[in-house]
Protein backbone atom coordinates (compact mmCIF):
# COMPACT_ATOMS: atom_id res chain seq x y z
CA THR A 1 13.75 98.35 162.39
CA ASN A 2 14.26 97.15 158.82
CA LYS A 3 17.20 99.52 158.21
CA GLU A 4 18.78 98.50 161.52
CA THR A 5 18.41 94.80 160.70
CA ILE A 6 19.82 95.10 157.17
CA SER A 7 22.73 97.26 158.33
CA LYS A 8 23.69 94.87 161.15
CA ILE A 9 23.53 91.79 158.90
CA LYS A 10 25.61 93.42 156.15
CA ALA A 11 28.22 94.65 158.63
CA SER A 12 28.55 91.19 160.23
CA SER A 13 29.30 89.06 157.17
CA ARG A 14 32.99 88.64 158.06
CA ASP A 15 32.40 87.69 161.69
CA PHE A 16 29.52 85.26 161.20
CA ALA A 17 28.54 82.45 158.85
CA LEU A 18 25.55 80.24 158.26
CA VAL A 19 25.59 76.45 158.20
CA TYR A 20 22.72 74.92 156.26
CA PHE A 21 21.88 71.27 156.93
CA TYR A 22 19.74 69.62 154.27
CA ALA A 23 18.85 66.26 152.80
CA GLU A 24 18.95 65.66 149.07
CA ASN A 25 15.46 64.09 149.05
CA CYS A 26 13.86 66.79 151.24
CA GLU A 27 11.13 68.82 149.49
CA PHE A 28 11.22 71.50 152.19
CA CYS A 29 14.98 71.86 151.69
CA ARG A 30 14.42 72.82 148.07
CA VAL A 31 12.19 75.70 149.20
CA GLN A 32 14.65 76.77 151.91
CA ASN A 33 17.48 76.63 149.39
CA GLU A 34 15.74 79.29 147.28
CA VAL A 35 15.36 81.53 150.34
CA LEU A 36 19.04 81.04 151.19
CA GLU A 37 20.09 81.91 147.63
CA TYR A 38 18.19 85.17 147.89
CA PHE A 39 19.81 85.86 151.30
CA ILE A 40 23.29 85.21 149.82
CA ASP A 41 22.59 87.52 146.87
CA LYS A 42 21.30 90.25 149.16
CA TYR A 43 24.01 90.10 151.85
CA GLY A 44 27.01 88.31 150.33
CA TRP A 45 27.31 85.94 153.27
CA GLU A 46 29.13 82.63 153.27
CA VAL A 47 26.80 79.65 153.70
CA LYS A 48 28.28 76.22 154.34
CA ARG A 49 25.95 73.55 152.96
CA VAL A 50 25.99 70.16 154.68
CA GLU A 51 24.08 67.19 153.26
CA ILE A 52 23.25 65.15 156.38
CA HIS A 53 23.55 61.73 154.70
CA GLU A 54 26.98 62.55 153.28
CA HIS A 55 28.18 64.03 156.59
CA PRO A 56 26.29 62.30 159.41
CA GLU A 57 29.08 63.16 161.87
CA LEU A 58 28.40 66.89 161.39
CA ALA A 59 24.66 66.38 161.69
CA GLU A 60 25.27 64.54 164.96
CA ARG A 61 27.74 67.14 166.23
CA PHE A 62 25.16 69.90 165.75
CA ASP A 63 22.28 67.70 166.92
CA VAL A 64 20.38 68.00 163.64
CA LYS A 65 17.13 66.06 163.92
CA ILE A 66 15.19 67.58 161.03
CA THR A 67 15.95 69.34 157.76
CA PRO A 68 16.18 72.03 156.66
CA TYR A 69 18.13 73.39 159.61
CA VAL A 70 20.14 76.65 159.57
CA ILE A 71 22.49 77.79 162.30
CA LEU A 72 24.48 80.98 162.79
CA ILE A 73 28.13 80.57 163.80
CA TYR A 74 30.19 83.31 165.44
CA ARG A 75 33.64 82.83 163.94
CA GLU A 76 35.45 84.43 166.87
CA SER A 77 34.14 82.01 169.49
CA LYS A 78 32.55 79.20 167.43
CA ASP A 79 29.35 79.80 169.42
CA GLN A 80 26.20 78.96 167.52
CA PHE A 81 22.60 80.05 167.36
CA PRO A 82 19.72 78.21 165.64
CA VAL A 83 18.21 80.39 162.93
CA SER A 84 15.57 78.07 161.55
CA ILE A 85 14.30 74.54 161.82
CA GLY A 86 12.05 73.80 158.88
CA VAL A 87 11.31 76.34 156.18
CA SER A 88 11.68 80.01 157.13
CA SER A 89 10.91 83.06 155.04
CA LEU A 90 13.60 85.63 154.30
CA ASP A 91 12.00 88.05 156.77
CA GLU A 92 12.05 85.43 159.54
CA MET A 93 15.65 84.53 158.80
CA GLU A 94 16.77 88.17 158.75
CA ASP A 95 15.09 88.81 162.09
CA ARG A 96 16.61 85.74 163.75
CA ILE A 97 20.06 86.36 162.26
CA TYR A 98 19.97 89.99 163.43
CA ARG A 99 19.03 88.93 166.96
CA GLY A 100 21.53 86.05 166.93
CA ILE A 101 24.37 88.35 165.87
CA ARG A 102 23.62 90.73 168.72
CA LEU A 103 23.32 87.91 171.25
CA LEU A 104 26.44 85.96 170.22
CA SER A 105 28.60 89.09 169.99
CA GLY A 106 27.58 90.14 173.50
CA GLU A 107 25.73 93.30 172.46
CA ILE A 108 22.63 92.10 174.28
CA SER A 109 21.77 89.69 177.04
CA PRO A 110 19.27 86.87 176.55
CA GLU A 111 16.71 89.04 178.36
CA ALA A 112 17.00 91.70 175.65
CA TYR A 113 16.77 89.23 172.75
CA SER A 114 13.47 90.63 171.47
CA MET A 115 14.60 94.25 171.66
CA TYR A 116 15.87 96.44 168.80
CA GLU A 117 18.78 98.82 169.39
CA PHE A 118 16.57 101.91 169.10
CA GLN A 119 14.49 100.59 172.02
CA ARG A 120 17.47 100.59 174.41
CA GLY A 121 16.68 102.69 177.47
CA GLY A 122 12.98 102.82 176.61
CA LYS A 123 9.94 101.08 178.03
CA LEU A 124 10.67 97.88 176.09
CA ASP A 125 14.20 97.54 177.50
CA PRO A 126 14.08 94.78 180.15
CA SER A 127 17.38 95.91 181.69
CA ILE A 128 15.66 99.02 183.07
CA TYR A 129 13.29 96.90 185.09
CA MET A 130 16.00 94.46 186.10
CA ASN A 131 18.25 97.32 187.28
CA SER A 132 15.46 98.96 189.30
CA ALA A 133 14.57 95.61 190.90
CA THR A 134 18.22 95.06 191.85
CA GLU A 135 18.54 98.59 193.26
CA GLY A 136 15.39 98.03 195.33
CA ASP A 137 16.98 94.95 196.88
CA ARG A 138 19.88 96.99 198.28
């Protein structure tokens, strides 16, 4: 799962971006900033930083109520996915970004959000059960 996650995130850097909402006086934001720096170094992603007091219109547009707040944006459609509200570890961010990429790009349905690609067609693939339930209704 780790190799799959890393590979998907690295391959998606041109199609996706992160927006990081923070407040200058936020202690938790300082911690999240360090995690984001490590993420940027590891994956080379673009991260747009938005200080909510300098840009309240953007905070309102994205309904930011608390900082730190990180969202994933799909450049092709401008669809978004919340990655973290509050401080998240690198592992948590990687997992949510991986799943968000797959969901926003249409690779998976919301029902398959918790599934890894290698699980497709297996016992943990919810589409198998949904397809058999639909076939039973015919």
